């Protein structure tokens, strides 16, 4: 069974905004034939025409208008969600919580911090130094720096020196 995908929805919405298959095809960087086929597949699936087409113009039918009013914002939300997810890969952001002892902060973390902040300006560092051991996971830390003999057996540890 055919299920319309984002390409068909995007095709219909772009044609509606451009009021032209040719302009929409340029915007979407696809051929007018491919664009027309994508729109046609969706129209066939829905069982209604979304556009009135002539050789000189394209306009929405009533069904097309209703479809655009409903699908347009939903497609925008989907595109925003995908962009937000992609941006997490491209540019790290948020808070990085680090827990360590004072000498670890001074001797190991400190020399790395300036370059890290330059490279990832959207990341805020929350560096906590305490004179006692804390439960890194329970206290919400992303990273903990410990001497090897102080790392619990069930904790994932990576040597740093």
N, C-alpha and C. Protein backbone atom coordinates (compact mmCIF):
# COMPACT_ATOMS: atom_id res chain seq x y z
N UNK A 1 0.84 -1.18 0.00
CA UNK A 1 0.00 0.00 0.00
C UNK A 1 0.88 1.25 0.00
N UNK A 2 0.58 2.18 -0.87
CA UNK A 2 1.34 3.43 -0.99
C UNK A 2 1.05 4.34 0.21
N UNK A 3 2.11 4.88 0.79
CA UNK A 3 1.97 5.88 1.85
C UNK A 3 2.75 7.11 1.42
N UNK A 4 2.07 8.24 1.35
CA UNK A 4 2.78 9.46 0.94
C UNK A 4 3.89 9.80 1.92
N UNK A 5 4.97 10.34 1.37
CA UNK A 5 6.10 10.73 2.21
C UNK A 5 6.29 12.23 2.20
N UNK A 6 7.34 12.65 2.88
CA UNK A 6 7.63 14.08 2.98
C UNK A 6 7.82 14.73 1.61
N UNK A 7 8.39 13.99 0.66
CA UNK A 7 8.65 14.56 -0.66
C UNK A 7 7.34 14.99 -1.33
N UNK A 8 6.31 14.17 -1.23
CA UNK A 8 5.03 14.52 -1.85
C UNK A 8 4.39 15.72 -1.15
N UNK A 9 4.43 15.73 0.18
CA UNK A 9 3.87 16.85 0.93
C UNK A 9 4.61 18.15 0.59
N UNK A 10 5.93 18.06 0.60
CA UNK A 10 6.74 19.23 0.28
C UNK A 10 6.48 19.71 -1.15
N UNK A 11 6.29 18.78 -2.07
CA UNK A 11 6.01 19.13 -3.46
C UNK A 11 4.72 19.93 -3.56
N UNK A 12 3.66 19.44 -2.94
CA UNK A 12 2.36 20.12 -3.00
C UNK A 12 2.45 21.51 -2.37
N UNK A 13 3.05 21.61 -1.23
CA UNK A 13 3.13 22.90 -0.53
C UNK A 13 3.99 23.89 -1.31
N UNK A 14 5.08 23.43 -1.90
CA UNK A 14 5.94 24.32 -2.68
C UNK A 14 5.25 24.80 -3.94
N UNK A 15 4.52 23.92 -4.62
CA UNK A 15 3.76 24.34 -5.81
C UNK A 15 2.71 25.36 -5.41
N UNK A 16 2.03 25.13 -4.30
CA UNK A 16 0.99 26.06 -3.86
C UNK A 16 1.59 27.44 -3.56
N UNK A 17 2.73 27.47 -2.91
CA UNK A 17 3.36 28.76 -2.58
C UNK A 17 3.89 29.46 -3.82
N UNK A 18 4.49 28.69 -4.73
CA UNK A 18 5.08 29.27 -5.94
C UNK A 18 4.04 29.58 -7.01
N UNK A 19 2.89 28.93 -6.91
CA UNK A 19 1.82 29.04 -7.91
C UNK A 19 2.33 28.69 -9.31
N UNK A 20 3.31 27.78 -9.33
CA UNK A 20 3.91 27.37 -10.61
C UNK A 20 4.71 26.09 -10.39
N UNK A 21 4.50 25.13 -11.29
CA UNK A 21 5.28 23.90 -11.20
C UNK A 21 6.74 24.18 -11.54
N UNK A 22 6.98 25.04 -12.52
CA UNK A 22 8.35 25.33 -12.94
C UNK A 22 9.14 25.98 -11.80
N UNK A 23 8.55 27.01 -11.16
CA UNK A 23 9.23 27.70 -10.05
C UNK A 23 9.44 26.75 -8.87
N UNK A 24 8.43 25.94 -8.58
CA UNK A 24 8.55 24.99 -7.47
C UNK A 24 9.64 23.96 -7.75
N UNK A 25 9.72 23.50 -8.99
CA UNK A 25 10.75 22.52 -9.36
C UNK A 25 12.15 23.12 -9.18
N UNK A 26 12.31 24.39 -9.53
CA UNK A 26 13.59 25.06 -9.33
C UNK A 26 13.91 25.16 -7.84
N UNK A 27 12.92 25.53 -7.05
CA UNK A 27 13.11 25.65 -5.60
C UNK A 27 13.53 24.32 -5.00
N UNK A 28 12.87 23.25 -5.42
CA UNK A 28 13.14 21.92 -4.87
C UNK A 28 14.30 21.20 -5.55
N UNK A 29 14.86 21.84 -6.59
CA UNK A 29 15.98 21.27 -7.35
C UNK A 29 15.63 19.89 -7.90
N UNK A 30 14.47 19.84 -8.56
CA UNK A 30 14.04 18.60 -9.21
C UNK A 30 13.38 18.95 -10.53
N UNK A 31 13.21 17.98 -11.38
CA UNK A 31 12.58 18.24 -12.68
C UNK A 31 11.09 18.48 -12.50
N UNK A 32 10.50 19.22 -13.45
CA UNK A 32 9.05 19.45 -13.38
C UNK A 32 8.29 18.14 -13.54
N UNK A 33 8.84 17.20 -14.28
CA UNK A 33 8.20 15.89 -14.44
C UNK A 33 8.15 15.15 -13.10
N UNK A 34 9.27 15.12 -12.39
CA UNK A 34 9.30 14.46 -11.07
C UNK A 34 8.36 15.14 -10.10
N UNK A 35 8.34 16.47 -10.15
CA UNK A 35 7.45 17.23 -9.27
C UNK A 35 5.99 16.92 -9.58
N UNK A 36 5.65 16.93 -10.85
CA UNK A 36 4.28 16.63 -11.27
C UNK A 36 3.88 15.22 -10.86
N UNK A 37 4.81 14.27 -10.99
CA UNK A 37 4.54 12.89 -10.58
C UNK A 37 4.30 12.80 -9.07
N UNK A 38 5.10 13.52 -8.28
CA UNK A 38 4.94 13.50 -6.82
C UNK A 38 3.57 14.05 -6.43
N UNK A 39 3.18 15.17 -7.04
CA UNK A 39 1.87 15.76 -6.76
C UNK A 39 0.77 14.81 -7.21
N UNK A 40 0.92 14.24 -8.39
CA UNK A 40 -0.08 13.30 -8.91
C UNK A 40 -0.26 12.08 -8.03
N UNK A 41 0.84 11.55 -7.49
CA UNK A 41 0.74 10.39 -6.60
C UNK A 41 -0.07 10.72 -5.35
N UNK A 42 0.17 11.91 -4.80
CA UNK A 42 -0.57 12.30 -3.60
C UNK A 42 -2.04 12.53 -3.93
N UNK A 43 -2.30 13.20 -5.05
CA UNK A 43 -3.70 13.41 -5.46
C UNK A 43 -4.41 12.08 -5.66
N UNK A 44 -3.74 11.14 -6.29
CA UNK A 44 -4.35 9.82 -6.52
C UNK A 44 -4.63 9.12 -5.19
N UNK A 45 -3.69 9.21 -4.27
CA UNK A 45 -3.86 8.59 -2.95
C UNK A 45 -5.04 9.21 -2.20
N UNK A 46 -5.16 10.53 -2.29
CA UNK A 46 -6.25 11.23 -1.59
C UNK A 46 -7.59 11.08 -2.31
N UNK A 47 -7.54 10.82 -3.60
CA UNK A 47 -8.77 10.70 -4.39
C UNK A 47 -9.38 12.04 -4.76
N UNK A 48 -8.60 13.11 -4.67
CA UNK A 48 -9.08 14.46 -5.05
C UNK A 48 -7.95 15.21 -5.76
N UNK A 49 -8.35 16.18 -6.57
CA UNK A 49 -7.37 17.06 -7.20
C UNK A 49 -7.07 18.19 -6.23
N UNK A 50 -5.80 18.49 -6.07
CA UNK A 50 -5.40 19.58 -5.19
C UNK A 50 -5.18 20.88 -5.96
N UNK A 51 -4.96 20.76 -7.28
CA UNK A 51 -4.68 21.93 -8.11
C UNK A 51 -5.56 21.94 -9.35
N UNK A 52 -5.94 23.14 -9.76
CA UNK A 52 -6.51 23.37 -11.09
C UNK A 52 -5.31 23.75 -11.95
N UNK A 53 -5.09 23.01 -13.03
CA UNK A 53 -3.92 23.25 -13.87
C UNK A 53 -4.35 23.64 -15.27
N UNK A 54 -3.71 24.67 -15.79
CA UNK A 54 -3.82 24.99 -17.21
C UNK A 54 -2.38 25.14 -17.71
N UNK A 55 -2.21 25.36 -18.99
CA UNK A 55 -0.85 25.53 -19.51
C UNK A 55 -0.21 26.81 -18.99
N UNK A 56 -1.03 27.76 -18.52
CA UNK A 56 -0.50 29.05 -18.08
C UNK A 56 -0.57 29.29 -16.57
N UNK A 57 -1.38 28.52 -15.86
CA UNK A 57 -1.53 28.81 -14.43
C UNK A 57 -1.82 27.57 -13.60
N UNK A 58 -1.57 27.73 -12.31
CA UNK A 58 -1.85 26.69 -11.33
C UNK A 58 -2.55 27.38 -10.16
N UNK A 59 -3.67 26.81 -9.73
CA UNK A 59 -4.35 27.35 -8.55
C UNK A 59 -4.87 26.20 -7.72
N UNK A 60 -5.06 26.46 -6.44
CA UNK A 60 -5.55 25.42 -5.54
C UNK A 60 -7.04 25.19 -5.72
N UNK A 61 -7.45 23.94 -5.63
CA UNK A 61 -8.87 23.62 -5.55
C UNK A 61 -9.29 23.84 -4.10
N UNK A 62 -10.58 23.71 -3.80
CA UNK A 62 -11.01 23.82 -2.41
C UNK A 62 -10.34 22.75 -1.55
N UNK A 63 -10.28 21.53 -2.08
CA UNK A 63 -9.61 20.45 -1.35
C UNK A 63 -8.13 20.78 -1.14
N UNK A 64 -7.50 21.38 -2.14
CA UNK A 64 -6.10 21.78 -2.03
C UNK A 64 -5.89 22.83 -0.97
N UNK A 65 -6.81 23.79 -0.91
CA UNK A 65 -6.72 24.85 0.09
C UNK A 65 -6.82 24.27 1.51
N UNK A 66 -7.78 23.37 1.70
CA UNK A 66 -7.94 22.73 3.02
C UNK A 66 -6.69 21.93 3.36
N UNK A 67 -6.17 21.19 2.38
CA UNK A 67 -4.97 20.39 2.60
C UNK A 67 -3.79 21.27 3.02
N UNK A 68 -3.58 22.37 2.30
CA UNK A 68 -2.46 23.27 2.59
C UNK A 68 -2.61 23.90 3.97
N UNK A 69 -3.83 24.31 4.32
CA UNK A 69 -4.07 24.92 5.63
C UNK A 69 -3.70 23.97 6.76
N UNK A 70 -3.95 22.69 6.54
CA UNK A 70 -3.68 21.70 7.59
C UNK A 70 -2.27 21.13 7.51
N UNK A 71 -1.83 20.79 6.32
CA UNK A 71 -0.54 20.11 6.16
C UNK A 71 0.64 21.08 6.22
N UNK A 72 0.43 22.33 5.80
CA UNK A 72 1.52 23.31 5.78
C UNK A 72 2.19 23.48 7.14
N UNK A 73 1.41 23.81 8.18
CA UNK A 73 2.02 23.95 9.51
C UNK A 73 2.65 22.65 10.02
N UNK A 74 2.00 21.53 9.75
CA UNK A 74 2.55 20.24 10.20
C UNK A 74 3.89 19.95 9.53
N UNK A 75 3.98 20.22 8.23
CA UNK A 75 5.24 20.01 7.53
C UNK A 75 6.31 20.95 8.07
N UNK A 76 5.93 22.19 8.35
CA UNK A 76 6.87 23.14 8.94
C UNK A 76 7.39 22.64 10.28
N UNK A 77 6.50 22.07 11.10
CA UNK A 77 6.92 21.51 12.39
C UNK A 77 7.88 20.34 12.20
N UNK A 78 7.58 19.48 11.24
CA UNK A 78 8.47 18.34 10.96
C UNK A 78 9.85 18.82 10.50
N UNK A 79 9.86 19.81 9.61
CA UNK A 79 11.14 20.33 9.12
C UNK A 79 11.93 20.98 10.25
N UNK A 80 11.23 21.71 11.14
CA UNK A 80 11.90 22.32 12.29
C UNK A 80 12.48 21.25 13.21
N UNK A 81 11.72 20.19 13.44
CA UNK A 81 12.21 19.10 14.29
C UNK A 81 13.45 18.45 13.69
N UNK A 82 13.43 18.23 12.37
CA UNK A 82 14.59 17.62 11.72
C UNK A 82 15.80 18.56 11.76
N UNK A 83 15.56 19.86 11.56
CA UNK A 83 16.65 20.83 11.64
C UNK A 83 17.24 20.87 13.04
N UNK A 84 16.37 20.83 14.05
CA UNK A 84 16.83 20.84 15.43
C UNK A 84 17.68 19.61 15.74
N UNK A 85 17.24 18.46 15.25
CA UNK A 85 18.01 17.23 15.46
C UNK A 85 19.36 17.30 14.75
N UNK A 86 19.36 17.80 13.51
CA UNK A 86 20.61 17.92 12.75
C UNK A 86 21.57 18.89 13.44
N UNK A 87 21.04 19.96 14.00
CA UNK A 87 21.90 20.97 14.62
C UNK A 87 22.62 20.41 15.83
N UNK A 88 22.05 19.41 16.46
CA UNK A 88 22.72 18.79 17.60
C UNK A 88 23.98 18.07 17.16
N UNK A 89 23.95 17.54 15.95
CA UNK A 89 25.13 16.86 15.43
C UNK A 89 26.17 17.88 14.98
N UNK A 90 25.73 18.94 14.36
CA UNK A 90 26.65 19.91 13.78
C UNK A 90 27.32 20.78 14.83
N UNK A 91 26.57 21.25 15.80
CA UNK A 91 27.11 22.17 16.79
C UNK A 91 26.63 21.76 18.18
N UNK A 92 27.50 21.17 18.97
CA UNK A 92 27.09 20.81 20.33
C UNK A 92 26.67 22.06 21.11
N UNK A 93 25.65 21.89 21.93
CA UNK A 93 25.19 23.01 22.76
C UNK A 93 24.62 22.45 24.05
N UNK A 94 24.46 23.32 25.02
CA UNK A 94 23.89 22.91 26.30
C UNK A 94 24.91 23.04 27.40
N UNK A 95 24.67 22.32 28.48
CA UNK A 95 25.53 22.38 29.66
C UNK A 95 26.29 21.07 29.80
N UNK A 96 27.59 21.16 30.02
CA UNK A 96 28.43 20.00 30.30
C UNK A 96 28.83 20.09 31.77
N UNK A 97 28.31 19.18 32.58
CA UNK A 97 28.58 19.19 34.02
C UNK A 97 29.75 18.25 34.32
N UNK A 98 30.79 18.81 34.93
CA UNK A 98 32.00 18.05 35.24
C UNK A 98 32.24 18.11 36.75
N UNK A 99 32.54 16.96 37.34
CA UNK A 99 32.87 16.90 38.76
C UNK A 99 34.28 16.33 38.89
N UNK A 100 35.11 16.99 39.68
CA UNK A 100 36.48 16.52 39.89
C UNK A 100 37.01 17.06 41.20
N UNK A 101 38.17 16.66 41.56
CA UNK A 101 38.86 17.19 42.73
C UNK A 101 39.64 18.42 42.28
N UNK A 102 40.03 19.28 43.21
CA UNK A 102 40.65 20.58 42.86
C UNK A 102 41.90 20.42 42.01
N UNK A 103 42.79 19.50 42.36
CA UNK A 103 44.02 19.36 41.58
C UNK A 103 43.73 18.81 40.17
N UNK A 104 42.71 17.99 40.03
CA UNK A 104 42.31 17.49 38.71
C UNK A 104 41.80 18.62 37.83
N UNK A 105 41.04 19.53 38.43
CA UNK A 105 40.54 20.69 37.68
C UNK A 105 41.69 21.57 37.23
N UNK A 106 42.63 21.79 38.15
CA UNK A 106 43.75 22.68 37.87
C UNK A 106 44.73 22.07 36.86
N UNK A 107 45.09 20.81 37.03
CA UNK A 107 46.15 20.20 36.23
C UNK A 107 45.67 19.54 34.94
N UNK A 108 44.45 19.04 34.92
CA UNK A 108 43.98 18.28 33.75
C UNK A 108 42.91 19.04 32.97
N UNK A 109 41.87 19.49 33.65
CA UNK A 109 40.74 20.15 32.97
C UNK A 109 41.11 21.55 32.49
N UNK A 110 41.72 22.33 33.36
CA UNK A 110 42.03 23.73 33.05
C UNK A 110 42.78 23.94 31.74
N UNK A 111 43.85 23.19 31.47
CA UNK A 111 44.57 23.40 30.21
C UNK A 111 43.73 23.10 28.96
N UNK A 112 42.69 22.29 29.09
CA UNK A 112 41.86 21.91 27.94
C UNK A 112 40.67 22.85 27.73
N UNK A 113 40.31 23.59 28.76
CA UNK A 113 39.08 24.37 28.73
C UNK A 113 39.04 25.47 27.69
N UNK A 114 40.07 26.26 27.57
CA UNK A 114 40.06 27.39 26.64
C UNK A 114 39.82 26.93 25.21
N UNK A 115 40.54 25.91 24.77
CA UNK A 115 40.36 25.39 23.41
C UNK A 115 38.96 24.81 23.23
N UNK A 116 38.45 24.11 24.25
CA UNK A 116 37.11 23.52 24.17
C UNK A 116 36.05 24.61 24.02
N UNK A 117 36.15 25.66 24.81
CA UNK A 117 35.18 26.76 24.75
C UNK A 117 35.27 27.50 23.42
N UNK A 118 36.46 27.64 22.88
CA UNK A 118 36.60 28.26 21.56
C UNK A 118 35.94 27.41 20.48
N UNK A 119 36.15 26.11 20.56
CA UNK A 119 35.62 25.18 19.55
C UNK A 119 34.11 25.00 19.66
N UNK A 120 33.59 25.02 20.89
CA UNK A 120 32.16 24.78 21.12
C UNK A 120 31.56 25.91 21.95
N UNK A 121 31.38 27.08 21.37
CA UNK A 121 30.91 28.24 22.13
C UNK A 121 29.49 28.09 22.69
N UNK A 122 28.71 27.18 22.14
CA UNK A 122 27.34 26.98 22.62
C UNK A 122 27.27 26.05 23.84
N UNK A 123 28.42 25.51 24.25
CA UNK A 123 28.45 24.62 25.41
C UNK A 123 28.88 25.42 26.63
N UNK A 124 28.08 25.36 27.68
CA UNK A 124 28.40 26.00 28.95
C UNK A 124 29.00 24.94 29.87
N UNK A 125 30.14 25.24 30.47
CA UNK A 125 30.82 24.30 31.36
C UNK A 125 30.43 24.60 32.80
N UNK A 126 29.94 23.58 33.49
CA UNK A 126 29.64 23.67 34.92
C UNK A 126 30.64 22.76 35.61
N UNK A 127 31.74 23.35 36.09
CA UNK A 127 32.83 22.60 36.71
C UNK A 127 32.68 22.68 38.22
N UNK A 128 32.48 21.53 38.84
CA UNK A 128 32.28 21.47 40.29
C UNK A 128 33.45 20.71 40.91
N UNK A 129 34.12 21.37 41.86
CA UNK A 129 35.19 20.70 42.60
C UNK A 129 34.74 20.57 44.04
N UNK A 130 34.83 19.37 44.55
CA UNK A 130 34.43 19.11 45.93
C UNK A 130 35.52 18.30 46.60
N UNK A 131 35.61 18.44 47.89
CA UNK A 131 36.61 17.70 48.65
C UNK A 131 36.13 16.31 49.02
N UNK A 132 35.04 15.88 48.43
CA UNK A 132 34.49 14.55 48.74
C UNK A 132 34.05 13.88 47.45
N UNK A 133 33.93 12.57 47.49
CA UNK A 133 33.43 11.82 46.34
C UNK A 133 31.91 11.94 46.30
N UNK A 134 31.39 12.16 45.11
CA UNK A 134 29.93 12.22 44.93
C UNK A 134 29.54 11.14 43.92
N UNK A 135 28.27 10.79 43.93
CA UNK A 135 27.76 9.85 42.93
C UNK A 135 27.53 10.66 41.65
N UNK A 136 28.40 10.49 40.69
CA UNK A 136 28.38 11.29 39.46
C UNK A 136 27.05 11.18 38.74
N UNK A 137 26.53 9.98 38.60
CA UNK A 137 25.28 9.76 37.88
C UNK A 137 24.10 10.32 38.66
N UNK A 138 24.00 9.98 39.95
CA UNK A 138 22.86 10.44 40.77
C UNK A 138 22.82 11.96 40.89
N UNK A 139 23.99 12.59 40.88
CA UNK A 139 24.04 14.05 41.01
C UNK A 139 23.98 14.78 39.67
N UNK A 140 23.78 14.04 38.58
CA UNK A 140 23.55 14.66 37.28
C UNK A 140 24.79 15.17 36.55
N UNK A 141 25.94 14.60 36.83
CA UNK A 141 27.15 15.03 36.13
C UNK A 141 27.32 14.22 34.84
N UNK A 142 27.89 14.87 33.83
CA UNK A 142 28.16 14.21 32.56
C UNK A 142 29.52 13.52 32.57
N UNK A 143 30.42 14.04 33.41
CA UNK A 143 31.79 13.56 33.43
C UNK A 143 32.33 13.72 34.84
N UNK A 144 33.08 12.75 35.28
CA UNK A 144 33.75 12.84 36.57
C UNK A 144 35.20 12.44 36.42
N UNK A 145 36.07 13.17 37.06
CA UNK A 145 37.50 12.87 36.99
C UNK A 145 37.91 12.33 38.36
N UNK A 146 38.45 11.11 38.38
CA UNK A 146 38.81 10.43 39.62
C UNK A 146 40.15 9.72 39.46
N UNK A 147 40.81 9.47 40.59
CA UNK A 147 41.96 8.56 40.58
C UNK A 147 41.43 7.17 40.30
N UNK A 148 42.21 6.34 39.64
CA UNK A 148 41.76 5.00 39.24
C UNK A 148 41.27 4.17 40.41
N UNK A 149 41.93 4.28 41.56
CA UNK A 149 41.53 3.46 42.71
C UNK A 149 40.23 3.94 43.36
N UNK A 150 39.71 5.09 42.93
CA UNK A 150 38.46 5.62 43.49
C UNK A 150 37.25 5.44 42.57
N UNK A 151 37.47 4.82 41.42
CA UNK A 151 36.37 4.61 40.46
C UNK A 151 35.60 3.35 40.85
N UNK A 152 34.28 3.45 41.06
CA UNK A 152 33.49 2.26 41.39
C UNK A 152 33.58 1.22 40.27
N UNK A 153 33.48 -0.05 40.64
CA UNK A 153 33.64 -1.15 39.68
C UNK A 153 32.59 -1.13 38.58
N UNK A 154 31.38 -0.62 38.87
CA UNK A 154 30.31 -0.62 37.87
C UNK A 154 30.29 0.64 37.00
N UNK A 155 31.28 1.50 37.16
CA UNK A 155 31.34 2.75 36.41
C UNK A 155 32.20 2.57 35.17
N UNK A 156 31.79 3.19 34.06
CA UNK A 156 32.60 3.18 32.84
C UNK A 156 33.70 4.21 33.03
N UNK A 157 34.94 3.78 32.89
CA UNK A 157 36.07 4.68 33.11
C UNK A 157 37.04 4.61 31.93
N UNK A 158 37.61 5.77 31.62
CA UNK A 158 38.59 5.88 30.54
C UNK A 158 39.82 6.58 31.13
N UNK A 159 40.99 5.96 31.06
CA UNK A 159 42.20 6.60 31.59
C UNK A 159 42.52 7.88 30.82
N UNK A 160 42.99 8.91 31.53
CA UNK A 160 43.33 10.18 30.88
C UNK A 160 44.82 10.49 30.93
N UNK A 161 45.61 9.59 31.35
CA UNK A 161 47.03 9.93 31.38
C UNK A 161 47.93 8.76 31.35
